[in-house]
Amino acid sequence: STEMIHRIMNDKEGDKEERLLRELEDIICSYLFIDV
């Protein structure tokens, strides 16, 4: 989370920020939690 947020926030293409943050959430949840 820390590394990806650092990269996302330093990306000058601000229109990608929210989309990338949501994608990061999905990736981490897929790694952590069982599929119900």
PDB file of all heavy atoms in Angstrom:
ATOM      1  N   SER A   1       0.829  -1.202   0.000  1.00  0.00           N
ATOM      2  CA  SER A   1       0.000   0.000   0.000  1.00  0.00           C
ATOM      3  C   SER A   1       0.869   1.261   0.000  1.00  0.00           C
ATOM      4  O   SER A   1       0.631   2.198  -0.770  1.00  0.00           O
ATOM      5  CB  SER A   1      -0.916   0.016   1.225  1.00  0.00           C
ATOM      6  OG  SER A   1      -1.802  -1.076   1.208  1.00  0.00           O
ATOM      7  N   THR A   2       1.889   1.266   0.855  1.00  0.00           N
ATOM      8  CA  THR A   2       2.757   2.445   0.962  1.00  0.00           C
ATOM      9  C   THR A   2       3.487   2.723  -0.344  1.00  0.00           C
ATOM     10  O   THR A   2       3.516   3.865  -0.826  1.00  0.00           O
ATOM     11  CB  THR A   2       3.781   2.249   2.092  1.00  0.00           C
ATOM     12  OG1 THR A   2       3.092   2.002   3.315  1.00  0.00           O
ATOM     13  CG2 THR A   2       4.642   3.494   2.265  1.00  0.00           C
ATOM     14  N   GLU A   3       4.082   1.685  -0.915  1.00  0.00           N
ATOM     15  CA  GLU A   3       4.858   1.863  -2.144  1.00  0.00           C
ATOM     16  C   GLU A   3       3.971   2.291  -3.308  1.00  0.00           C
ATOM     17  O   GLU A   3       4.317   3.211  -4.069  1.00  0.00           O
ATOM     18  CB  GLU A   3       5.593   0.566  -2.487  1.00  0.00           C
ATOM     19  CG  GLU A   3       6.417   0.630  -3.765  1.00  0.00           C
ATOM     20  CD  GLU A   3       7.536   1.655  -3.726  1.00  0.00           C
ATOM     21  OE1 GLU A   3       8.010   1.988  -2.623  1.00  0.00           O
ATOM     22  OE2 GLU A   3       7.930   2.131  -4.820  1.00  0.00           O
ATOM     23  N   MET A   4       2.827   1.656  -3.464  1.00  0.00           N
ATOM     24  CA  MET A   4       1.956   1.975  -4.588  1.00  0.00           C
ATOM     25  C   MET A   4       1.347   3.367  -4.445  1.00  0.00           C
ATOM     26  O   MET A   4       1.224   4.104  -5.433  1.00  0.00           O
ATOM     27  CB  MET A   4       0.851   0.920  -4.718  1.00  0.00           C
ATOM     28  CG  MET A   4       1.342  -0.436  -5.194  1.00  0.00           C
ATOM     29  SD  MET A   4       2.276  -0.324  -6.753  1.00  0.00           S
ATOM     30  CE  MET A   4       1.044   0.384  -7.856  1.00  0.00           C
ATOM     31  N   ILE A   5       0.974   3.745  -3.231  1.00  0.00           N
ATOM     32  CA  ILE A   5       0.413   5.088  -3.020  1.00  0.00           C
ATOM     33  C   ILE A   5       1.464   6.149  -3.316  1.00  0.00           C
ATOM     34  O   ILE A   5       1.168   7.190  -3.920  1.00  0.00           O
ATOM     35  CB  ILE A   5      -0.144   5.221  -1.588  1.00  0.00           C
ATOM     36  CG1 ILE A   5      -1.442   4.419  -1.475  1.00  0.00           C
ATOM     37  CG2 ILE A   5      -0.397   6.687  -1.230  1.00  0.00           C
ATOM     38  CD1 ILE A   5      -1.935   4.231  -0.075  1.00  0.00           C
ATOM     39  N   HIS A   6       2.705   5.888  -2.917  1.00  0.00           N
ATOM     40  CA  HIS A   6       3.793   6.822  -3.210  1.00  0.00           C
ATOM     41  C   HIS A   6       3.920   7.027  -4.725  1.00  0.00           C
ATOM     42  O   HIS A   6       4.045   8.159  -5.206  1.00  0.00           O
ATOM     43  CB  HIS A   6       5.101   6.287  -2.633  1.00  0.00           C
ATOM     44  CG  HIS A   6       6.282   7.160  -2.893  1.00  0.00           C
ATOM     45  ND1 HIS A   6       6.399   8.428  -2.362  1.00  0.00           N
ATOM     46  CD2 HIS A   6       7.404   6.967  -3.639  1.00  0.00           C
ATOM     47  CE1 HIS A   6       7.539   8.979  -2.771  1.00  0.00           C
ATOM     48  NE2 HIS A   6       8.160   8.111  -3.544  1.00  0.00           N
ATOM     49  N   ARG A   7       3.843   5.952  -5.474  1.00  0.00           N
ATOM     50  CA  ARG A   7       3.956   6.044  -6.935  1.00  0.00           C
ATOM     51  C   ARG A   7       2.727   6.717  -7.546  1.00  0.00           C
ATOM     52  O   ARG A   7       2.842   7.558  -8.445  1.00  0.00           O
ATOM     53  CB  ARG A   7       4.146   4.655  -7.537  1.00  0.00           C
ATOM     54  CG  ARG A   7       5.514   4.052  -7.259  1.00  0.00           C
ATOM     55  CD  ARG A   7       5.638   2.656  -7.828  1.00  0.00           C
ATOM     56  NE  ARG A   7       6.968   2.118  -7.621  1.00  0.00           N
ATOM     57  CZ  ARG A   7       7.985   2.288  -8.455  1.00  0.00           C
ATOM     58  NH1 ARG A   7       7.820   3.000  -9.560  1.00  0.00           N
ATOM     59  NH2 ARG A   7       9.164   1.767  -8.208  1.00  0.00           N
ATOM     60  N   ILE A   8       1.544   6.358  -7.057  1.00  0.00           N
ATOM     61  CA  ILE A   8       0.314   6.942  -7.592  1.00  0.00           C
ATOM     62  C   ILE A   8       0.278   8.444  -7.345  1.00  0.00           C
ATOM     63  O   ILE A   8      -0.062   9.232  -8.239  1.00  0.00           O
ATOM     64  CB  ILE A   8      -0.928   6.266  -6.959  1.00  0.00           C
ATOM     65  CG1 ILE A   8      -1.055   4.823  -7.449  1.00  0.00           C
ATOM     66  CG2 ILE A   8      -2.201   7.047  -7.285  1.00  0.00           C
ATOM     67  CD1 ILE A   8      -2.076   4.002  -6.678  1.00  0.00           C
ATOM     68  N   MET A   9       0.663   8.862  -6.127  1.00  0.00           N
ATOM     69  CA  MET A   9       0.600  10.282  -5.783  1.00  0.00           C
ATOM     70  C   MET A   9       1.655  11.099  -6.507  1.00  0.00           C
ATOM     71  O   MET A   9       1.507  12.315  -6.674  1.00  0.00           O
ATOM     72  CB  MET A   9       0.744  10.457  -4.267  1.00  0.00           C
ATOM     73  CG  MET A   9      -0.357   9.798  -3.463  1.00  0.00           C
ATOM     74  SD  MET A   9      -2.008  10.373  -3.903  1.00  0.00           S
ATOM     75  CE  MET A   9      -1.935  12.057  -3.288  1.00  0.00           C
ATOM     76  N   ASN A  10       2.731  10.462  -6.935  1.00  0.00           N
ATOM     77  CA  ASN A  10       3.778  11.176  -7.671  1.00  0.00           C
ATOM     78  C   ASN A  10       3.539  11.157  -9.177  1.00  0.00           C
ATOM     79  O   ASN A  10       4.268  11.800  -9.934  1.00  0.00           O
ATOM     80  CB  ASN A  10       5.156  10.576  -7.366  1.00  0.00           C
ATOM     81  CG  ASN A  10       5.633  10.945  -5.981  1.00  0.00           C
ATOM     82  OD1 ASN A  10       5.247  11.965  -5.432  1.00  0.00           O
ATOM     83  ND2 ASN A  10       6.473  10.111  -5.402  1.00  0.00           N
ATOM     84  N   ASP A  11       2.526  10.430  -9.599  1.00  0.00           N
ATOM     85  CA  ASP A  11       2.174  10.399 -11.023  1.00  0.00           C
ATOM     86  C   ASP A  11       1.459  11.697 -11.372  1.00  0.00           C
ATOM     87  O   ASP A  11       0.484  12.068 -10.733  1.00  0.00           O
ATOM     88  CB  ASP A  11       1.255   9.200 -11.295  1.00  0.00           C
ATOM     89  CG  ASP A  11       1.054   8.941 -12.782  1.00  0.00           C
ATOM     90  OD1 ASP A  11       1.077   9.914 -13.558  1.00  0.00           O
ATOM     91  OD2 ASP A  11       0.877   7.777 -13.161  1.00  0.00           O
ATOM     92  N   LYS A  12       1.937  12.393 -12.387  1.00  0.00           N
ATOM     93  CA  LYS A  12       1.378  13.696 -12.749  1.00  0.00           C
ATOM     94  C   LYS A  12       0.039  13.586 -13.469  1.00  0.00           C
ATOM     95  O   LYS A  12      -0.666  14.573 -13.625  1.00  0.00           O
ATOM     96  CB  LYS A  12       2.375  14.468 -13.632  1.00  0.00           C
ATOM     97  CG  LYS A  12       3.736  14.679 -12.981  1.00  0.00           C
ATOM     98  CD  LYS A  12       3.622  15.375 -11.635  1.00  0.00           C
ATOM     99  CE  LYS A  12       4.984  15.570 -10.982  1.00  0.00           C
ATOM    100  NZ  LYS A  12       4.878  16.156  -9.630  1.00  0.00           N
ATOM    101  N   GLU A  13      -0.309  12.400 -13.927  1.00  0.00           N
ATOM    102  CA  GLU A  13      -1.589  12.215 -14.597  1.00  0.00           C
ATOM    103  C   GLU A  13      -2.664  11.966 -13.553  1.00  0.00           C
ATOM    104  O   GLU A  13      -3.023  10.837 -13.239  1.00  0.00           O
ATOM    105  CB  GLU A  13      -1.513  11.054 -15.581  1.00  0.00           C
ATOM    106  CG  GLU A  13      -0.502  11.275 -16.708  1.00  0.00           C
ATOM    107  CD  GLU A  13      -0.488  10.115 -17.680  1.00  0.00           C
ATOM    108  OE1 GLU A  13      -1.581   9.612 -18.009  1.00  0.00           O
ATOM    109  OE2 GLU A  13       0.609   9.714 -18.097  1.00  0.00           O
ATOM    110  N   GLY A  14      -3.163  13.042 -12.970  1.00  0.00           N
ATOM    111  CA  GLY A  14      -4.073  12.967 -11.833  1.00  0.00           C
ATOM    112  C   GLY A  14      -5.371  12.251 -12.093  1.00  0.00           C
ATOM    113  O   GLY A  14      -6.020  11.764 -11.168  1.00  0.00           O
ATOM    114  N   ASP A  15      -5.797  12.167 -13.360  1.00  0.00           N
ATOM    115  CA  ASP A  15      -7.069  11.526 -13.658  1.00  0.00           C
ATOM    116  C   ASP A  15      -7.031  10.019 -13.389  1.00  0.00           C
ATOM    117  O   ASP A  15      -8.067   9.364 -13.299  1.00  0.00           O
ATOM    118  CB  ASP A  15      -7.464  11.781 -15.117  1.00  0.00           C
ATOM    119  CG  ASP A  15      -6.430  11.252 -16.103  1.00  0.00           C
ATOM    120  OD1 ASP A  15      -5.231  11.412 -15.832  1.00  0.00           O
ATOM    121  OD2 ASP A  15      -6.833  10.692 -17.137  1.00  0.00           O
ATOM    122  N   LYS A  16      -5.825   9.450 -13.240  1.00  0.00           N
ATOM    123  CA  LYS A  16      -5.697   8.010 -12.986  1.00  0.00           C
ATOM    124  C   LYS A  16      -5.733   7.684 -11.497  1.00  0.00           C
ATOM    125  O   LYS A  16      -5.859   6.520 -11.130  1.00  0.00           O
ATOM    126  CB  LYS A  16      -4.378   7.485 -13.560  1.00  0.00           C
ATOM    127  CG  LYS A  16      -4.264   7.574 -15.069  1.00  0.00           C
ATOM    128  CD  LYS A  16      -3.115   6.724 -15.593  1.00  0.00           C
ATOM    129  CE  LYS A  16      -1.786   7.122 -15.011  1.00  0.00           C
ATOM    130  NZ  LYS A  16      -0.658   6.376 -15.596  1.00  0.00           N
ATOM    131  N   GLU A  17      -5.619   8.687 -10.647  1.00  0.00           N
ATOM    132  CA  GLU A  17      -5.424   8.455  -9.208  1.00  0.00           C
ATOM    133  C   GLU A  17      -6.515   7.593  -8.600  1.00  0.00           C
ATOM    134  O   GLU A  17      -6.233   6.563  -7.985  1.00  0.00           O
ATOM    135  CB  GLU A  17      -5.344   9.795  -8.476  1.00  0.00           C
ATOM    136  CG  GLU A  17      -5.173   9.670  -6.973  1.00  0.00           C
ATOM    137  CD  GLU A  17      -5.175  11.017  -6.292  1.00  0.00           C
ATOM    138  OE1 GLU A  17      -4.380  11.891  -6.692  1.00  0.00           O
ATOM    139  OE2 GLU A  17      -5.970  11.202  -5.352  1.00  0.00           O
ATOM    140  N   GLU A  18      -7.775   8.002  -8.753  1.00  0.00           N
ATOM    141  CA  GLU A  18      -8.867   7.285  -8.107  1.00  0.00           C
ATOM    142  C   GLU A  18      -9.000   5.869  -8.659  1.00  0.00           C
ATOM    143  O   GLU A  18      -9.243   4.921  -7.919  1.00  0.00           O
ATOM    144  CB  GLU A  18     -10.172   8.066  -8.296  1.00  0.00           C
ATOM    145  CG  GLU A  18     -11.345   7.514  -7.495  1.00  0.00           C
ATOM    146  CD  GLU A  18     -11.087   7.529  -5.989  1.00  0.00           C
ATOM    147  OE1 GLU A  18     -10.385   8.421  -5.494  1.00  0.00           O
ATOM    148  OE2 GLU A  18     -11.592   6.598  -5.314  1.00  0.00           O
ATOM    149  N   ARG A  19      -8.841   5.726  -9.969  1.00  0.00           N
ATOM    150  CA  ARG A  19      -8.944   4.403 -10.588  1.00  0.00           C
ATOM    151  C   ARG A  19      -7.866   3.463 -10.067  1.00  0.00           C
ATOM    152  O   ARG A  19      -8.126   2.293  -9.770  1.00  0.00           O
ATOM    153  CB  ARG A  19      -8.827   4.549 -12.109  1.00  0.00           C
ATOM    154  CG  ARG A  19      -8.824   3.239 -12.859  1.00  0.00           C
ATOM    155  CD  ARG A  19      -9.063   3.473 -14.339  1.00  0.00           C
ATOM    156  NE  ARG A  19      -8.140   4.440 -14.913  1.00  0.00           N
ATOM    157  CZ  ARG A  19      -6.911   4.137 -15.350  1.00  0.00           C
ATOM    158  NH1 ARG A  19      -6.477   2.898 -15.261  1.00  0.00           N
ATOM    159  NH2 ARG A  19      -6.143   5.056 -15.883  1.00  0.00           N
ATOM    160  N   LEU A  20      -6.639   3.978  -9.922  1.00  0.00           N
ATOM    161  CA  LEU A  20      -5.541   3.152  -9.438  1.00  0.00           C
ATOM    162  C   LEU A  20      -5.701   2.799  -7.961  1.00  0.00           C
ATOM    163  O   LEU A  20      -5.362   1.694  -7.536  1.00  0.00           O
ATOM    164  CB  LEU A  20      -4.211   3.878  -9.661  1.00  0.00           C
ATOM    165  CG  LEU A  20      -3.769   4.009 -11.124  1.00  0.00           C
ATOM    166  CD1 LEU A  20      -2.533   4.893 -11.236  1.00  0.00           C
ATOM    167  CD2 LEU A  20      -3.500   2.641 -11.727  1.00  0.00           C
ATOM    168  N   LEU A  21      -6.235   3.726  -7.179  1.00  0.00           N
ATOM    169  CA  LEU A  21      -6.469   3.442  -5.757  1.00  0.00           C
ATOM    170  C   LEU A  21      -7.512   2.340  -5.591  1.00  0.00           C
ATOM    171  O   LEU A  21      -7.364   1.449  -4.758  1.00  0.00           O
ATOM    172  CB  LEU A  21      -6.908   4.713  -5.025  1.00  0.00           C
ATOM    173  CG  LEU A  21      -5.838   5.779  -4.804  1.00  0.00           C
ATOM    174  CD1 LEU A  21      -6.457   7.037  -4.222  1.00  0.00           C
ATOM    175  CD2 LEU A  21      -4.730   5.269  -3.876  1.00  0.00           C
ATOM    176  N   ARG A  22      -8.569   2.391  -6.400  1.00  0.00           N
ATOM    177  CA  ARG A  22      -9.599   1.329  -6.336  1.00  0.00           C
ATOM    178  C   ARG A  22      -9.025  -0.011  -6.769  1.00  0.00           C
ATOM    179  O   ARG A  22      -9.347  -1.053  -6.187  1.00  0.00           O
ATOM    180  CB  ARG A  22     -10.800   1.713  -7.215  1.00  0.00           C
ATOM    181  CG  ARG A  22     -11.676   2.807  -6.641  1.00  0.00           C
ATOM    182  CD  ARG A  22     -13.037   2.825  -7.318  1.00  0.00           C
ATOM    183  NE  ARG A  22     -12.923   3.012  -8.752  1.00  0.00           N
ATOM    184  CZ  ARG A  22     -12.941   4.196  -9.358  1.00  0.00           C
ATOM    185  NH1 ARG A  22     -13.066   5.302  -8.623  1.00  0.00           N
ATOM    186  NH2 ARG A  22     -12.846   4.283 -10.676  1.00  0.00           N
ATOM    187  N   GLU A  23      -8.177   0.016  -7.784  1.00  0.00           N
ATOM    188  CA  GLU A  23      -7.553  -1.218  -8.246  1.00  0.00           C
ATOM    189  C   GLU A  23      -6.644  -1.802  -7.173  1.00  0.00           C
ATOM    190  O   GLU A  23      -6.606  -3.021  -6.965  1.00  0.00           O
ATOM    191  CB  GLU A  23      -6.753  -0.947  -9.520  1.00  0.00           C
ATOM    192  CG  GLU A  23      -6.292  -2.190 -10.258  1.00  0.00           C
ATOM    193  CD  GLU A  23      -7.435  -2.973 -10.869  1.00  0.00           C
ATOM    194  OE1 GLU A  23      -8.530  -2.408 -11.048  1.00  0.00           O
ATOM    195  OE2 GLU A  23      -7.236  -4.176 -11.158  1.00  0.00           O
ATOM    196  N   LEU A  24      -5.932  -0.925  -6.473  1.00  0.00           N
ATOM    197  CA  LEU A  24      -5.068  -1.367  -5.376  1.00  0.00           C
ATOM    198  C   LEU A  24      -5.888  -2.028  -4.278  1.00  0.00           C
ATOM    199  O   LEU A  24      -5.504  -3.080  -3.742  1.00  0.00           O
ATOM    200  CB  LEU A  24      -4.287  -0.171  -4.817  1.00  0.00           C
ATOM    201  CG  LEU A  24      -3.382  -0.432  -3.607  1.00  0.00           C
ATOM    202  CD1 LEU A  24      -2.318  -1.475  -3.940  1.00  0.00           C
ATOM    203  CD2 LEU A  24      -2.723   0.872  -3.140  1.00  0.00           C
ATOM    204  N   GLU A  25      -7.026  -1.446  -3.951  1.00  0.00           N
ATOM    205  CA  GLU A  25      -7.925  -2.046  -2.951  1.00  0.00           C
ATOM    206  C   GLU A  25      -8.351  -3.452  -3.379  1.00  0.00           C
ATOM    207  O   GLU A  25      -8.323  -4.389  -2.571  1.00  0.00           O
ATOM    208  CB  GLU A  25      -9.176  -1.168  -2.781  1.00  0.00           C
ATOM    209  CG  GLU A  25      -8.936   0.152  -2.089  1.00  0.00           C
ATOM    210  CD  GLU A  25     -10.204   1.001  -2.059  1.00  0.00           C
ATOM    211  OE1 GLU A  25     -11.301   0.436  -2.266  1.00  0.00           O
ATOM    212  OE2 GLU A  25     -10.099   2.215  -1.847  1.00  0.00           O
ATOM    213  N   ASP A  26      -8.742  -3.595  -4.646  1.00  0.00           N
ATOM    214  CA  ASP A  26      -9.208  -4.892  -5.143  1.00  0.00           C
ATOM    215  C   ASP A  26      -8.092  -5.944  -5.106  1.00  0.00           C
ATOM    216  O   ASP A  26      -8.330  -7.102  -4.733  1.00  0.00           O
ATOM    217  CB  ASP A  26      -9.724  -4.750  -6.573  1.00  0.00           C
ATOM    218  CG  ASP A  26     -11.031  -3.976  -6.654  1.00  0.00           C
ATOM    219  OD1 ASP A  26     -11.691  -3.834  -5.607  1.00  0.00           O
ATOM    220  OD2 ASP A  26     -11.372  -3.510  -7.752  1.00  0.00           O
ATOM    221  N   ILE A  27      -6.895  -5.549  -5.480  1.00  0.00           N
ATOM    222  CA  ILE A  27      -5.759  -6.481  -5.495  1.00  0.00           C
ATOM    223  C   ILE A  27      -5.454  -6.985  -4.085  1.00  0.00           C
ATOM    224  O   ILE A  27      -5.270  -8.186  -3.857  1.00  0.00           O
ATOM    225  CB  ILE A  27      -4.513  -5.811  -6.107  1.00  0.00           C
ATOM    226  CG1 ILE A  27      -4.717  -5.603  -7.617  1.00  0.00           C
ATOM    227  CG2 ILE A  27      -3.257  -6.639  -5.846  1.00  0.00           C
ATOM    228  CD1 ILE A  27      -3.669  -4.734  -8.257  1.00  0.00           C
ATOM    229  N   ILE A  28      -5.425  -6.064  -3.129  1.00  0.00           N
ATOM    230  CA  ILE A  28      -5.098  -6.435  -1.753  1.00  0.00           C
ATOM    231  C   ILE A  28      -6.205  -7.302  -1.152  1.00  0.00           C
ATOM    232  O   ILE A  28      -5.932  -8.296  -0.465  1.00  0.00           O
ATOM    233  CB  ILE A  28      -4.850  -5.185  -0.896  1.00  0.00           C
ATOM    234  CG1 ILE A  28      -3.547  -4.514  -1.334  1.00  0.00           C
ATOM    235  CG2 ILE A  28      -4.778  -5.546   0.596  1.00  0.00           C
ATOM    236  CD1 ILE A  28      -3.253  -3.207  -0.655  1.00  0.00           C
ATOM    237  N   CYS A  29      -7.456  -6.953  -1.418  1.00  0.00           N
ATOM    238  CA  CYS A  29      -8.564  -7.761  -0.891  1.00  0.00           C
ATOM    239  C   CYS A  29      -8.555  -9.162  -1.488  1.00  0.00           C
ATOM    240  O   CYS A  29      -8.832 -10.140  -0.789  1.00  0.00           O
ATOM    241  CB  CYS A  29      -9.901  -7.065  -1.183  1.00  0.00           C
ATOM    242  SG  CYS A  29     -10.216  -5.627  -0.127  1.00  0.00           S
ATOM    243  N   SER A  30      -8.203  -9.265  -2.769  1.00  0.00           N
ATOM    244  CA  SER A  30      -8.119 -10.591  -3.404  1.00  0.00           C
ATOM    245  C   SER A  30      -7.006 -11.423  -2.784  1.00  0.00           C
ATOM    246  O   SER A  30      -7.134 -12.647  -2.640  1.00  0.00           O
ATOM    247  CB  SER A  30      -7.860 -10.433  -4.910  1.00  0.00           C
ATOM    248  OG  SER A  30      -8.954  -9.818  -5.536  1.00  0.00           O
ATOM    249  N   TYR A  31      -5.914 -10.775  -2.421  1.00  0.00           N
ATOM    250  CA  TYR A  31      -4.795 -11.478  -1.776  1.00  0.00           C
ATOM    251  C   TYR A  31      -5.162 -11.905  -0.363  1.00  0.00           C
ATOM    252  O   TYR A  31      -4.879 -13.047   0.053  1.00  0.00           O
ATOM    253  CB  TYR A  31      -3.555 -10.569  -1.752  1.00  0.00           C
ATOM    254  CG  TYR A  31      -2.531 -10.963  -0.733  1.00  0.00           C
ATOM    255  CD1 TYR A  31      -1.731 -12.100  -0.900  1.00  0.00           C
ATOM    256  CD2 TYR A  31      -2.336 -10.210   0.436  1.00  0.00           C
ATOM    257  CE1 TYR A  31      -0.801 -12.480   0.042  1.00  0.00           C
ATOM    258  CE2 TYR A  31      -1.393 -10.569   1.386  1.00  0.00           C
ATOM    259  CZ  TYR A  31      -0.627 -11.697   1.190  1.00  0.00           C
ATOM    260  OH  TYR A  31       0.293 -12.066   2.139  1.00  0.00           O
ATOM    261  N   LEU A  32      -5.822 -11.030   0.378  1.00  0.00           N
ATOM    262  CA  LEU A  32      -6.059 -11.287   1.803  1.00  0.00           C
ATOM    263  C   LEU A  32      -7.239 -12.209   2.082  1.00  0.00           C
ATOM    264  O   LEU A  32      -7.123 -13.126   2.906  1.00  0.00           O
ATOM    265  CB  LEU A  32      -6.332  -9.952   2.510  1.00  0.00           C
ATOM    266  CG  LEU A  32      -5.159  -9.118   3.021  1.00  0.00           C
ATOM    267  CD1 LEU A  32      -5.684  -7.855   3.681  1.00  0.00           C
ATOM    268  CD2 LEU A  32      -4.299  -9.911   3.992  1.00  0.00           C
ATOM    269  N   PHE A  33      -8.361 -11.979   1.422  1.00  0.00           N
ATOM    270  CA  PHE A  33      -9.610 -12.574   1.869  1.00  0.00           C
ATOM    271  C   PHE A  33     -10.089 -13.727   0.984  1.00  0.00           C
ATOM    272  O   PHE A  33      -9.837 -13.757  -0.213  1.00  0.00           O
ATOM    273  CB  PHE A  33     -10.710 -11.491   1.944  1.00  0.00           C
ATOM    274  CG  PHE A  33     -10.377 -10.364   2.864  1.00  0.00           C
ATOM    275  CD1 PHE A  33     -10.194  -9.079   2.391  1.00  0.00           C
ATOM    276  CD2 PHE A  33     -10.215 -10.594   4.233  1.00  0.00           C
ATOM    277  CE1 PHE A  33      -9.892  -8.028   3.245  1.00  0.00           C
ATOM    278  CE2 PHE A  33      -9.910  -9.559   5.094  1.00  0.00           C
ATOM    279  CZ  PHE A  33      -9.737  -8.265   4.606  1.00  0.00           C
ATOM    280  N   ILE A  34     -10.818 -14.646   1.619  1.00  0.00           N
ATOM    281  CA  ILE A  34     -11.417 -15.762   0.887  1.00  0.00           C
ATOM    282  C   ILE A  34     -12.501 -15.232  -0.040  1.00  0.00           C
ATOM    283  O   ILE A  34     -13.089 -14.170   0.204  1.00  0.00           O
ATOM    284  CB  ILE A  34     -12.016 -16.797   1.857  1.00  0.00           C
ATOM    285  CG1 ILE A  34     -13.092 -16.135   2.756  1.00  0.00           C
ATOM    286  CG2 ILE A  34     -10.941 -17.465   2.695  1.00  0.00           C
ATOM    287  CD1 ILE A  34     -13.809 -17.086   3.660  1.00  0.00           C
ATOM    288  N   ASP A  35     -12.775 -15.955  -1.088  1.00  0.00           N
ATOM    289  CA  ASP A  35     -13.808 -15.582  -2.046  1.00  0.00           C
ATOM    290  C   ASP A  35     -15.138 -16.188  -1.606  1.00  0.00           C
ATOM    291  O   ASP A  35     -15.306 -17.405  -1.586  1.00  0.00           O
ATOM    292  CB  ASP A  35     -13.433 -16.074  -3.439  1.00  0.00           C
ATOM    293  CG  ASP A  35     -14.408 -15.610  -4.513  1.00  0.00           C
ATOM    294  OD1 ASP A  35     -15.343 -14.845  -4.164  1.00  0.00           O
ATOM    295  OD2 ASP A  35     -14.238 -15.990  -5.680  1.00  0.00           O
ATOM    296  N   VAL A  36     -16.072 -15.324  -1.238  1.00  0.00           N
ATOM    297  CA  VAL A  36     -17.383 -15.810  -0.761  1.00  0.00           C
ATOM    298  C   VAL A  36     -18.472 -15.515  -1.771  1.00  0.00           C
ATOM    299  O   VAL A  36     -19.654 -15.616  -1.462  1.00  0.00           O
ATOM    300  CB  VAL A  36     -17.736 -15.193   0.610  1.00  0.00           C
ATOM    301  CG1 VAL A  36     -16.766 -15.656   1.654  1.00  0.00           C
ATOM    302  CG2 VAL A  36     -17.757 -13.672   0.508  1.00  0.00           C
TER     303      VAL A  36
END
